[in-house]
C-alpha atoms as a PDB file:
ATOM      1  CA  MET A   1      32.211 -57.417   7.197  1.00  0.00           C
ATOM      2  CA  LYS A   2      32.888 -58.703   4.224  1.00  0.00           C
ATOM      3  CA  ARG A   3      36.935 -57.901   4.670  1.00  0.00           C
ATOM      4  CA  PHE A   4      36.639 -59.624   7.879  1.00  0.00           C
ATOM      5  CA  LEU A   5      35.471 -62.661   6.031  1.00  0.00           C
ATOM      6  CA  ASN A   6      37.910 -62.510   3.286  1.00  0.00           C
ATOM      7  CA  LYS A   7      40.781 -62.508   5.804  1.00  0.00           C
ATOM      8  CA  LEU A   8      39.228 -65.192   7.968  1.00  0.00           C
ATOM      9  CA  GLN A   9      39.004 -67.346   4.770  1.00  0.00           C
ATOM     10  CA  ARG A  10      42.591 -66.743   3.786  1.00  0.00           C
ATOM     11  CA  THR A  11      43.869 -67.560   7.078  1.00  0.00           C
ATOM     12  CA  THR A  12      42.025 -70.311   7.856  1.00  0.00           C
ATOM     13  CA  LEU A  13      41.811 -72.487   4.400  1.00  0.00           C
ATOM     14  CA  THR A  14      45.324 -71.558   2.660  1.00  0.00           C
ATOM     15  CA  ARG A  15      47.395 -71.553   5.843  1.00  0.00           C
ATOM     16  CA  ASN A  16      45.685 -74.449   7.742  1.00  0.00           C
ATOM     17  CA  PRO A  17      43.121 -76.204   5.951  1.00  0.00           C
ATOM     18  CA  ALA A  18      42.245 -78.590   8.798  1.00  0.00           C
ATOM     19  CA  ARG A  19      40.412 -75.525  10.324  1.00  0.00           C
ATOM     20  CA  CYS A  20      37.819 -75.477   7.317  1.00  0.00           C
ATOM     21  CA  ALA A  21      35.396 -76.949   9.409  1.00  0.00           C
ATOM     22  CA  LEU A  22      36.023 -74.396  12.239  1.00  0.00           C
ATOM     23  CA  PHE A  23      35.709 -71.729   9.452  1.00  0.00           C
ATOM     24  CA  LEU A  24      32.454 -73.003   8.195  1.00  0.00           C
ATOM     25  CA  VAL A  25      31.010 -72.943  11.482  1.00  0.00           C
ATOM     26  CA  VAL A  26      31.983 -69.405  12.407  1.00  0.00           C
ATOM     27  CA  LEU A  27      30.554 -68.240   8.878  1.00  0.00           C
ATOM     28  CA  SER A  28      27.099 -69.744   9.505  1.00  0.00           C
ATOM     29  CA  LEU A  29      26.544 -67.992  12.937  1.00  0.00           C
ATOM     30  CA  VAL A  30      28.005 -64.555  11.468  1.00  0.00           C
ATOM     31  CA  TYR A  31      25.573 -65.011   8.758  1.00  0.00           C
ATOM     32  CA  PHE A  32      22.762 -65.919  10.916  1.00  0.00           C
ATOM     33  CA  SER A  33      23.386 -63.049  13.174  1.00  0.00           C
ATOM     34  CA  VAL A  34      23.084 -60.644  10.514  1.00  0.00           C
ATOM     35  CA  SER A  35      20.505 -62.076   8.577  1.00  0.00           C
ATOM     36  CA  THR A  36      18.042 -63.240  10.968  1.00  0.00           C
ATOM     37  CA  THR A  37      15.572 -61.360  13.196  1.00  0.00           C
ATOM     38  CA  VAL A  38      14.784 -63.466  16.376  1.00  0.00           C
ATOM     39  CA  TYR A  39      11.824 -62.508  18.276  1.00  0.00           C
ATOM     40  CA  ALA A  40      10.769 -63.097  21.905  1.00  0.00           C
ATOM     41  CA  GLN A  41       7.775 -65.238  22.744  1.00  0.00           C
ATOM     42  CA  ALA A  42       5.262 -62.313  23.843  1.00  0.00           C
ATOM     43  CA  ILE A  43       4.370 -59.112  23.347  1.00  0.00           C
ATOM     44  CA  GLY A  44       2.854 -56.202  25.206  1.00  0.00           C
ATOM     45  CA  SER A  45       1.616 -55.900  28.743  1.00  0.00           C
ATOM     46  CA  LEU A  46      -1.055 -56.032  30.644  1.00  0.00           C
ATOM     47  CA  LYS A  47      -3.085 -52.766  31.587  1.00  0.00           C
ATOM     48  CA  THR A  48      -5.982 -51.608  33.663  1.00  0.00           C
ATOM     49  CA  VAL A  49      -8.196 -48.539  33.212  1.00  0.00           C
ATOM     50  CA  LYS A  50     -11.262 -46.698  34.835  1.00  0.00           C
ATOM     51  CA  SER A  51     -14.181 -46.480  32.900  1.00  0.00           C
ATOM     52  CA  GLU A  52     -16.345 -42.820  32.561  1.00  0.00           C
ATOM     53  CA  TYR A  53     -19.849 -42.670  33.081  1.00  0.00           C
ATOM     54  CA  ASP A  54     -20.837 -43.323  29.711  1.00  0.00           C
ATOM     55  CA  ASP A  55     -18.538 -45.556  28.487  1.00  0.00           C
ATOM     56  CA  THR A  56     -19.247 -49.075  26.595  1.00  0.00           C
ATOM     57  CA  LEU A  57     -16.663 -51.791  26.154  1.00  0.00           C
ATOM     58  CA  LEU A  58     -17.180 -51.426  22.282  1.00  0.00           C
ATOM     59  CA  GLU A  59     -16.046 -47.520  22.930  1.00  0.00           C
ATOM     60  CA  ILE A  60     -13.033 -48.460  25.149  1.00  0.00           C
ATOM     61  CA  ALA A  61     -12.057 -51.467  22.578  1.00  0.00           C
ATOM     62  CA  ARG A  62     -11.748 -48.936  20.058  1.00  0.00           C
ATOM     63  CA  LYS A  63      -9.665 -46.479  22.105  1.00  0.00           C
ATOM     64  CA  TYR A  64      -6.939 -48.665  22.847  1.00  0.00           C
ATOM     65  CA  ASP A  65      -7.087 -50.529  19.732  1.00  0.00           C
ATOM     66  CA  MET A  66      -8.662 -53.361  21.034  1.00  0.00           C
ATOM     67  CA  GLY A  67     -11.594 -55.945  19.728  1.00  0.00           C
ATOM     68  CA  PHE A  68     -14.924 -56.473  21.508  1.00  0.00           C
ATOM     69  CA  ILE A  69     -14.700 -60.324  22.187  1.00  0.00           C
ATOM     70  CA  GLU A  70     -11.156 -60.112  23.690  1.00  0.00           C
ATOM     71  CA  MET A  71     -12.483 -56.929  25.929  1.00  0.00           C
ATOM     72  CA  ARG A  72     -15.585 -58.949  26.560  1.00  0.00           C
ATOM     73  CA  ALA A  73     -13.433 -62.054  27.725  1.00  0.00           C
ATOM     74  CA  ALA A  74     -10.943 -60.553  29.706  1.00  0.00           C
ATOM     75  CA  ASN A  75     -13.587 -58.599  31.747  1.00  0.00           C
ATOM     76  CA  PRO A  76     -16.703 -61.271  32.278  1.00  0.00           C
ATOM     77  CA  ASP A  77     -18.069 -59.447  35.245  1.00  0.00           C
ATOM     78  CA  ILE A  78     -18.333 -56.003  33.622  1.00  0.00           C
ATOM     79  CA  ASP A  79     -21.537 -55.180  32.190  1.00  0.00           C
ATOM     80  CA  PRO A  80     -20.325 -54.428  28.479  1.00  0.00           C
ATOM     81  CA  TRP A  81     -22.896 -51.680  27.629  1.00  0.00           C
ATOM     82  CA  LEU A  82     -22.799 -50.210  30.933  1.00  0.00           C
ATOM     83  CA  PRO A  83     -19.792 -50.595  32.578  1.00  0.00           C
ATOM     84  CA  GLY A  84     -20.399 -47.949  35.157  1.00  0.00           C
ATOM     85  CA  GLU A  85     -17.899 -44.723  36.343  1.00  0.00           C
ATOM     86  CA  GLY A  86     -14.876 -45.907  37.742  1.00  0.00           C
ATOM     87  CA  SER A  87     -15.130 -49.498  37.321  1.00  0.00           C
ATOM     88  CA  ASN A  88     -11.545 -51.360  36.644  1.00  0.00           C
ATOM     89  CA  ILE A  89     -11.494 -52.465  32.961  1.00  0.00           C
ATOM     90  CA  LEU A  90      -8.623 -54.823  32.560  1.00  0.00           C
ATOM     91  CA  LEU A  91      -6.923 -54.337  28.742  1.00  0.00           C
ATOM     92  CA  PRO A  92      -5.484 -57.796  27.504  1.00  0.00           C
ATOM     93  CA  LEU A  93      -2.365 -55.995  25.562  1.00  0.00           C
ATOM     94  CA  TRP A  94      -0.224 -58.808  26.639  1.00  0.00           C
ATOM     95  CA  ASN A  95      -0.157 -61.883  23.987  1.00  0.00           C
ATOM     96  CA  LEU A  96       1.858 -64.990  23.437  1.00  0.00           C
ATOM     97  CA  LEU A  97       2.755 -65.319  19.708  1.00  0.00           C
ATOM     98  CA  PRO A  98       0.966 -67.825  17.584  1.00  0.00           C
ATOM     99  CA  ASP A  99       2.462 -70.852  16.511  1.00  0.00           C
ATOM    100  CA  ALA A 100       3.422 -69.804  12.949  1.00  0.00           C
ATOM    101  CA  LYS A 101       6.229 -68.634  10.899  1.00  0.00           C
ATOM    102  CA  HIS A 102       7.305 -65.126  12.108  1.00  0.00           C
ATOM    103  CA  GLU A 103       7.270 -63.799   8.869  1.00  0.00           C
ATOM    104  CA  GLY A 104       5.215 -61.067   6.930  1.00  0.00           C
ATOM    105  CA  ILE A 105       1.389 -61.425   8.151  1.00  0.00           C
ATOM    106  CA  VAL A 106       0.021 -64.133  10.242  1.00  0.00           C
ATOM    107  CA  ILE A 107      -3.850 -63.978  11.545  1.00  0.00           C
ATOM    108  CA  ASN A 108      -5.176 -66.087  14.219  1.00  0.00           C
ATOM    109  CA  LEU A 109      -8.968 -66.499  13.843  1.00  0.00           C
ATOM    110  CA  ALA A 110      -9.338 -67.908  17.266  1.00  0.00           C
ATOM    111  CA  GLU A 111      -7.991 -64.628  18.768  1.00  0.00           C
ATOM    112  CA  LEU A 112      -9.652 -62.354  16.171  1.00  0.00           C
ATOM    113  CA  ARG A 113      -6.079 -60.645  15.923  1.00  0.00           C
ATOM    114  CA  MET A 114      -3.338 -59.791  13.363  1.00  0.00           C
ATOM    115  CA  TYR A 115       0.755 -59.980  13.904  1.00  0.00           C
ATOM    116  CA  ILE A 116       3.021 -58.178  11.235  1.00  0.00           C
ATOM    117  CA  TYR A 117       6.610 -59.261  11.282  1.00  0.00           C
ATOM    118  CA  GLU A 118       8.914 -56.848   9.630  1.00  0.00           C
ATOM    119  CA  LYS A 119      12.824 -57.734   9.362  1.00  0.00           C
ATOM    120  CA  ASP A 120      14.702 -55.642  12.385  1.00  0.00           C
ATOM    121  CA  LYS A 121      11.297 -54.059  13.787  1.00  0.00           C
ATOM    122  CA  ASP A 122       8.999 -54.519  16.404  1.00  0.00           C
ATOM    123  CA  ILE A 123       6.088 -57.038  15.927  1.00  0.00           C
ATOM    124  CA  ARG A 124       2.729 -55.281  15.482  1.00  0.00           C
ATOM    125  CA  THR A 125      -0.573 -56.387  16.706  1.00  0.00           C
ATOM    126  CA  PHE A 126      -4.028 -55.270  15.445  1.00  0.00           C
ATOM    127  CA  PRO A 127      -7.670 -56.534  16.054  1.00  0.00           C
ATOM    128  CA  ILE A 128      -9.531 -57.582  13.465  1.00  0.00           C
ATOM    129  CA  GLY A 129     -13.000 -58.874  12.322  1.00  0.00           C
ATOM    130  CA  ILE A 130     -13.643 -61.872  10.663  1.00  0.00           C
ATOM    131  CA  GLY A 131     -16.378 -64.359   8.494  1.00  0.00           C
ATOM    132  CA  ARG A 132     -19.114 -64.994  10.371  1.00  0.00           C
ATOM    133  CA  GLU A 133     -21.104 -68.677  10.297  1.00  0.00           C
ATOM    134  CA  GLY A 134     -21.557 -69.902   6.513  1.00  0.00           C
ATOM    135  CA  PHE A 135     -18.609 -67.335   5.182  1.00  0.00           C
ATOM    136  CA  GLU A 136     -15.520 -68.096   7.219  1.00  0.00           C
ATOM    137  CA  THR A 137     -12.521 -67.152   6.637  1.00  0.00           C
ATOM    138  CA  PRO A 138     -10.306 -69.697   4.989  1.00  0.00           C
ATOM    139  CA  LEU A 139      -7.087 -71.047   6.926  1.00  0.00           C
ATOM    140  CA  GLY A 140      -3.752 -71.944   5.095  1.00  0.00           C
ATOM    141  CA  GLU A 141      -1.043 -69.625   3.503  1.00  0.00           C
ATOM    142  CA  THR A 142      -1.770 -66.885   0.677  1.00  0.00           C
ATOM    143  CA  TYR A 143       0.452 -63.704  -0.338  1.00  0.00           C
ATOM    144  CA  VAL A 144      -0.304 -60.070  -0.989  1.00  0.00           C
ATOM    145  CA  SER A 145      -1.277 -59.434  -4.518  1.00  0.00           C
ATOM    146  CA  TRP A 146      -1.820 -56.068  -4.804  1.00  0.00           C
ATOM    147  CA  LYS A 147      -3.287 -53.066  -2.633  1.00  0.00           C
ATOM    148  CA  ARG A 148      -5.768 -50.010  -3.557  1.00  0.00           C
ATOM    149  CA  PRO A 149      -6.818 -46.909  -1.904  1.00  0.00           C
ATOM    150  CA  ASN A 150     -10.265 -45.808  -2.347  1.00  0.00           C
ATOM    151  CA  PRO A 151     -11.445 -49.266  -3.248  1.00  0.00           C
ATOM    152  CA  THR A 152     -14.715 -50.138  -5.157  1.00  0.00           C
ATOM    153  CA  TRP A 153     -16.578 -52.905  -3.699  1.00  0.00           C
ATOM    154  CA  THR A 154     -17.740 -55.684  -6.192  1.00  0.00           C
ATOM    155  CA  PRO A 155     -20.492 -57.961  -4.067  1.00  0.00           C
ATOM    156  CA  THR A 156     -19.831 -61.542  -4.769  1.00  0.00           C
ATOM    157  CA  PRO A 157     -22.696 -63.644  -6.575  1.00  0.00           C
ATOM    158  CA  ASP A 158     -23.317 -65.513  -3.194  1.00  0.00           C
ATOM    159  CA  MET A 159     -23.886 -62.024  -1.587  1.00  0.00           C
ATOM    160  CA  ARG A 160     -26.216 -60.857  -4.230  1.00  0.00           C
ATOM    161  CA  LYS A 161     -28.268 -64.099  -4.013  1.00  0.00           C
ATOM    162  CA  ALA A 162     -28.128 -63.582  -0.410  1.00  0.00           C
ATOM    163  CA  ASN A 163     -29.283 -60.080  -0.883  1.00  0.00           C
ATOM    164  CA  PRO A 164     -30.653 -59.145  -3.837  1.00  0.00           C
ATOM    165  CA  ASP A 165     -30.936 -55.261  -2.972  1.00  0.00           C
ATOM    166  CA  LEU A 166     -26.937 -55.326  -2.791  1.00  0.00           C
ATOM    167  CA  PRO A 167     -25.943 -53.180  -5.908  1.00  0.00           C
ATOM    168  CA  LYS A 168     -23.487 -54.309  -8.484  1.00  0.00           C
ATOM    169  CA  VAL A 169     -20.785 -51.880  -7.664  1.00  0.00           C
ATOM    170  CA  VAL A 170     -20.307 -49.561  -4.717  1.00  0.00           C
ATOM    171  CA  GLU A 171     -18.212 -46.643  -5.644  1.00  0.00           C
ATOM    172  CA  PRO A 172     -15.382 -45.463  -2.875  1.00  0.00           C
ATOM    173  CA  GLY A 173     -17.130 -43.201  -0.153  1.00  0.00           C
ATOM    174  CA  PRO A 174     -18.192 -43.234   3.383  1.00  0.00           C
ATOM    175  CA  GLY A 175     -20.645 -45.954   2.676  1.00  0.00           C
ATOM    176  CA  ASN A 176     -18.305 -48.435   0.922  1.00  0.00           C
ATOM    177  CA  PRO A 177     -17.690 -51.438   3.386  1.00  0.00           C
ATOM    178  CA  LEU A 178     -14.103 -51.675   2.466  1.00  0.00           C
ATOM    179  CA  GLY A 179     -13.397 -48.539   3.882  1.00  0.00           C
ATOM    180  CA  THR A 180     -10.492 -46.428   2.420  1.00  0.00           C
ATOM    181  CA  HIS A 181      -7.758 -49.127   1.753  1.00  0.00           C
ATOM    182  CA  ALA A 182      -7.928 -52.827   0.727  1.00  0.00           C
ATOM    183  CA  VAL A 183      -5.080 -55.415   0.603  1.00  0.00           C
ATOM    184  CA  TYR A 184      -5.738 -57.793  -2.146  1.00  0.00           C
ATOM    185  CA  LEU A 185      -4.617 -61.414  -1.252  1.00  0.00           C
ATOM    186  CA  GLY A 186      -3.736 -64.675  -3.634  1.00  0.00           C
ATOM    187  CA  TRP A 187      -7.198 -66.024  -2.432  1.00  0.00           C
ATOM    188  CA  PRO A 188      -9.744 -64.667  -5.044  1.00  0.00           C
ATOM    189  CA  ASN A 189     -12.309 -62.495  -3.367  1.00  0.00           C
ATOM    190  CA  TYR A 190     -10.615 -62.247   0.121  1.00  0.00           C
ATOM    191  CA  LEU A 191      -9.097 -59.486   1.176  1.00  0.00           C
ATOM    192  CA  ILE A 192      -7.779 -57.396   4.173  1.00  0.00           C
ATOM    193  CA  HIS A 193      -9.807 -54.043   4.290  1.00  0.00           C
ATOM    194  CA  GLY A 194     -10.967 -51.401   6.620  1.00  0.00           C
ATOM    195  CA  THR A 195     -14.645 -50.562   7.099  1.00  0.00           C
ATOM    196  CA  SER A 196     -17.675 -48.354   7.353  1.00  0.00           C
ATOM    197  CA  LYS A 197     -18.745 -49.973  10.446  1.00  0.00           C
ATOM    198  CA  PRO A 198     -15.920 -49.898  13.091  1.00  0.00           C
ATOM    199  CA  TRP A 199     -17.911 -51.612  15.621  1.00  0.00           C
ATOM    200  CA  GLY A 200     -17.807 -55.116  14.144  1.00  0.00           C
ATOM    201  CA  ILE A 201     -14.060 -54.985  14.754  1.00  0.00           C
ATOM    202  CA  GLY A 202     -13.224 -58.087  17.309  1.00  0.00           C
ATOM    203  CA  ARG A 203     -16.110 -59.966  16.371  1.00  0.00           C
ATOM    204  CA  ARG A 204     -17.366 -62.409  13.501  1.00  0.00           C
ATOM    205  CA  VAL A 205     -19.121 -60.059  11.074  1.00  0.00           C
ATOM    206  CA  SER A 206     -17.676 -60.181   7.778  1.00  0.00           C
ATOM    207  CA  SER A 207     -18.328 -62.205   4.555  1.00  0.00           C
ATOM    208  CA  GLY A 208     -14.767 -64.131   5.023  1.00  0.00           C
ATOM    209  CA  CYS A 209     -12.583 -61.034   4.510  1.00  0.00           C
ATOM    210  CA  ILE A 210     -10.473 -59.815   7.451  1.00  0.00           C
ATOM    211  CA  ARG A 211     -12.010 -56.067   8.458  1.00  0.00           C
ATOM    212  CA  MET A 212      -9.734 -53.806  10.477  1.00  0.00           C
ATOM    213  CA  TYR A 213     -10.437 -50.292  12.044  1.00  0.00           C
ATOM    214  CA  PRO A 214      -9.731 -47.331   9.691  1.00  0.00           C
ATOM    215  CA  GLU A 215      -7.105 -46.033  11.351  1.00  0.00           C
ATOM    216  CA  ASP A 216      -5.421 -49.388  11.718  1.00  0.00           C
ATOM    217  CA  ILE A 217      -5.712 -50.403   8.068  1.00  0.00           C
ATOM    218  CA  LYS A 218      -3.932 -47.139   6.939  1.00  0.00           C
ATOM    219  CA  GLN A 219      -0.805 -48.723   8.868  1.00  0.00           C
ATOM    220  CA  VAL A 220      -1.449 -52.479   7.364  1.00  0.00           C
ATOM    221  CA  PHE A 221      -1.723 -50.855   3.848  1.00  0.00           C
ATOM    222  CA  ALA A 222       1.743 -48.774   4.325  1.00  0.00           C
ATOM    223  CA  ILE A 223       3.440 -52.101   5.310  1.00  0.00           C
ATOM    224  CA  ALA A 224       2.211 -54.680   2.866  1.00  0.00           C
ATOM    225  CA  GLN A 225       4.491 -55.373   0.247  1.00  0.00           C
ATOM    226  CA  ASN A 226       3.568 -57.516  -3.122  1.00  0.00           C
ATOM    227  CA  LYS A 227       4.074 -61.012  -2.621  1.00  0.00           C
ATOM    228  CA  MET A 228       4.426 -60.611   1.276  1.00  0.00           C
ATOM    229  CA  PRO A 229       3.243 -63.853   2.596  1.00  0.00           C
ATOM    230  CA  VAL A 230       0.023 -64.194   4.687  1.00  0.00           C
ATOM    231  CA  THR A 231      -0.553 -67.323   7.103  1.00  0.00           C
ATOM    232  CA  VAL A 232      -3.867 -67.643   8.458  1.00  0.00           C
ATOM    233  CA  VAL A 233      -4.506 -70.030  11.658  1.00  0.00           C
ATOM    234  CA  ASN A 234      -7.079 -71.264  14.143  1.00  0.00           C
ATOM    235  CA  GLN A 235      -5.195 -71.512  17.542  1.00  0.00           C
ATOM    236  CA  PRO A 236      -7.471 -70.534  20.312  1.00  0.00           C
ATOM    237  CA  LEU A 237      -5.040 -72.093  22.866  1.00  0.00           C
ATOM    238  CA  LYS A 238      -1.230 -70.605  23.127  1.00  0.00           C
ATOM    239  CA  MET A 239       1.371 -71.589  25.187  1.00  0.00           C
ATOM    240  CA  ALA A 240       5.173 -70.705  25.843  1.00  0.00           C
ATOM    241  CA  TRP A 241       8.091 -70.598  27.811  1.00  0.00           C
ATOM    242  CA  VAL A 242       9.298 -66.728  28.803  1.00  0.00           C
ATOM    243  CA  ASP A 243      12.050 -66.212  30.570  1.00  0.00           C
ATOM    244  CA  GLY A 244      11.917 -69.401  32.371  1.00  0.00           C
ATOM    245  CA  VAL A 245       8.110 -68.964  32.958  1.00  0.00           C
ATOM    246  CA  PHE A 246       5.622 -71.243  31.294  1.00  0.00           C
ATOM    247  CA  TYR A 247       2.309 -69.080  30.198  1.00  0.00           C
ATOM    248  CA  LEU A 248      -0.671 -70.697  28.802  1.00  0.00           C
ATOM    249  CA  GLU A 249      -3.221 -68.364  26.644  1.00  0.00           C
ATOM    250  CA  ALA A 250      -6.925 -69.323  26.005  1.00  0.00           C
ATOM    251  CA  HIS A 251      -9.199 -67.798  23.820  1.00  0.00           C
ATOM    252  CA  PRO A 252     -12.843 -68.818  22.605  1.00  0.00           C
ATOM    253  CA  ASP A 253     -13.044 -71.612  20.115  1.00  0.00           C
ATOM    254  CA  ILE A 254     -14.453 -69.721  16.579  1.00  0.00           C
ATOM    255  CA  THR A 255     -17.555 -71.557  16.979  1.00  0.00           C
ATOM    256  CA  GLU A 256     -18.405 -70.389  20.285  1.00  0.00           C
ATOM    257  CA  MET A 257     -17.632 -66.660  19.458  1.00  0.00           C
ATOM    258  CA  ASP A 258     -21.211 -65.588  19.065  1.00  0.00           C
ATOM    259  CA  ALA A 259     -22.346 -66.800  22.374  1.00  0.00           C
ATOM    260  CA  PHE A 260     -19.469 -65.825  24.173  1.00  0.00           C
ATOM    261  CA  MET A 261     -20.065 -62.309  23.257  1.00  0.00           C
ATOM    262  CA  GLU A 262     -23.587 -62.683  24.576  1.00  0.00           C
ATOM    263  CA  ALA A 263     -22.477 -63.838  27.997  1.00  0.00           C
ATOM    264  CA  GLY A 264     -18.802 -63.286  28.687  1.00  0.00           C
ATOM    265  CA  TYR A 265     -18.548 -67.236  29.284  1.00  0.00           C
ATOM    266  CA  LEU A 266     -19.726 -70.372  28.577  1.00  0.00           C
ATOM    267  CA  PRO A 267     -21.619 -72.386  31.195  1.00  0.00           C
ATOM    268  CA  SER A 268     -19.952 -75.490  30.208  1.00  0.00           C
ATOM    269  CA  TYR A 269     -17.147 -76.843  28.422  1.00  0.00           C
ATOM    270  CA  ASP A 270     -15.169 -79.753  27.479  1.00  0.00           C
ATOM    271  CA  ILE A 271     -11.351 -79.985  27.528  1.00  0.00           C
ATOM    272  CA  GLU A 272     -10.037 -82.292  24.800  1.00  0.00           C
ATOM    273  CA  ALA A 273      -7.577 -84.704  25.779  1.00  0.00           C
ATOM    274  CA  GLY A 274      -5.141 -83.245  22.654  1.00  0.00           C
ATOM    275  CA  LYS A 275      -4.698 -79.670  24.527  1.00  0.00           C
ATOM    276  CA  LEU A 276      -3.685 -81.120  27.524  1.00  0.00           C
ATOM    277  CA  SER A 277      -1.140 -83.732  25.761  1.00  0.00           C
ATOM    278  CA  ASP A 278      -0.046 -80.567  23.935  1.00  0.00           C
ATOM    279  CA  ILE A 279       0.772 -78.694  27.376  1.00  0.00           C
ATOM    280  CA  ARG A 280       2.264 -81.850  28.544  1.00  0.00           C
ATOM    281  CA  LYS A 281       4.954 -82.177  25.819  1.00  0.00           C
ATOM    282  CA  ALA A 282       5.888 -78.309  26.002  1.00  0.00           C
ATOM    283  CA  MET A 283       6.191 -78.491  29.804  1.00  0.00           C
ATOM    284  CA  GLY A 284       8.789 -81.571  29.337  1.00  0.00           C
ATOM    285  CA  LYS A 285       9.907 -83.071  32.230  1.00  0.00           C
ATOM    286  CA  TRP A 286       7.918 -80.433  34.594  1.00  0.00           C
ATOM    287  CA  ALA A 287       4.686 -81.605  33.378  1.00  0.00           C
ATOM    288  CA  TYR A 288       4.365 -83.489  36.622  1.00  0.00           C
ATOM    289  CA  ASP A 289       4.913 -80.378  38.868  1.00  0.00           C
ATOM    290  CA  ILE A 290       2.290 -77.909  37.578  1.00  0.00           C
ATOM    291  CA  ASP A 291      -1.030 -77.383  39.067  1.00  0.00           C
ATOM    292  CA  TRP A 292      -3.375 -79.028  36.508  1.00  0.00           C
ATOM    293  CA  ALA A 293      -6.603 -77.746  38.403  1.00  0.00           C
ATOM    294  CA  LEU A 294      -5.027 -74.104  37.251  1.00  0.00           C
ATOM    295  CA  VAL A 295      -4.415 -75.212  33.506  1.00  0.00           C
ATOM    296  CA  ARG A 296      -8.222 -76.574  33.424  1.00  0.00           C
ATOM    297  CA  ASP A 297      -9.734 -73.315  34.550  1.00  0.00           C
ATOM    298  CA  VAL A 298      -7.170 -71.011  32.494  1.00  0.00           C
ATOM    299  CA  ILE A 299      -8.698 -73.176  29.399  1.00  0.00           C
ATOM    300  CA  ARG A 300     -12.630 -72.962  30.704  1.00  0.00           C
ATOM    301  CA  GLU A 301     -12.357 -69.324  31.386  1.00  0.00           C
ATOM    302  CA  ARG A 302     -10.571 -68.381  27.966  1.00  0.00           C
ATOM    303  CA  LYS A 303      -9.893 -64.777  29.174  1.00  0.00           C
ATOM    304  CA  GLY A 304      -7.859 -64.251  26.172  1.00  0.00           C
ATOM    305  CA  TYR A 305      -4.079 -63.447  28.197  1.00  0.00           C
ATOM    306  CA  PRO A 306      -1.079 -65.224  29.147  1.00  0.00           C
ATOM    307  CA  VAL A 307      -1.608 -66.604  32.706  1.00  0.00           C
ATOM    308  CA  LYS A 308       1.416 -67.990  34.549  1.00  0.00           C
ATOM    309  CA  ILE A 309       1.373 -71.956  35.049  1.00  0.00           C
ATOM    310  CA  PHE A 310       4.357 -72.562  36.190  1.00  0.00           C
ATOM    311  CA  GLU A 311       8.277 -70.771  36.971  1.00  0.00           C
ATOM    312  CA  ARG A 312      11.253 -73.304  36.713  1.00  0.00           C
ATOM    313  CA  PRO A 313      13.661 -73.603  39.580  1.00  0.00           C
ATOM    314  CA  GLN A 314      16.529 -70.959  39.409  1.00  0.00           C
ATOM    315  CA  TYR A 315      19.211 -73.233  39.624  1.00  0.00           C
ATOM    316  CA  GLU A 316      17.595 -75.145  36.426  1.00  0.00           C
ATOM    317  CA  ASP A 317      17.416 -71.611  34.375  1.00  0.00           C
ATOM    318  CA  LYS A 318      21.403 -71.493  35.225  1.00  0.00           C
ATOM    319  CA  GLU A 319      22.145 -74.617  33.842  1.00  0.00           C
ATOM    320  CA  LEU A 320      20.179 -74.330  30.707  1.00  0.00           C
ATOM    321  CA  ARG A 321      22.114 -71.268  29.903  1.00  0.00           C
END
């Protein structure tokens, strides 16, 4: 590559200076192609499995690396504690990517899910547990500051005030709430860590930290590097064009997760005008051609996986290529 650029530079700049602008354009295109990883707008695929006699949604979620609320949302008519033998269980393993930088670790609180972007590698995604009411996980940008296997846990003063029985320090071991691995962030007192209570993954249960299944935190621990960026967003509504098709993916809002977890749905839901406005902008000139009743149903039901809203005519796709 270096030899090619040197030759191109000599022939372009020394023999024909008028081609300098063309050289710069070619150089920028070559540099972009070798230094940037371009990701698709969606990853994964939907899958259906049959439940066994003694299954629960919690157990099925753990088996397929899912969280409880996302399983509950995708299967609103299934009894989460007794699905019954042979029931069709939808696994919402297909996700639109959050609207955030495709770099490092991206956490979308609304979908209780983490995405990891590594250069020239497939995107990885994991279910997570987040902060409960009164102990909300913060939004914004931070970074990985350090990491530690077999961490000790030191409850914060606020935790010990709320629960005076907590010890000052919990040593590594099976009862340690941080699990076997911890990734510390630039935000003091906030970590990405394992857990001694895996059934809390995919729910609002922590004191603000990001909890993960024991098998998942090991992978994240291996990937996380010092200063790796970490972005935390709250996007209950995601949308994207994928191969000429416009998809909408809706999740329960953070403030409604607990109620949604119990019932699998909410009896009423007011759709904010701003959400419809965002969809109109994303749809562009096709905004007048879509089924807006379907859009409203997707937002109300919030099943947590992409739903096809509109497909561009084929001749339109050819013109765009």
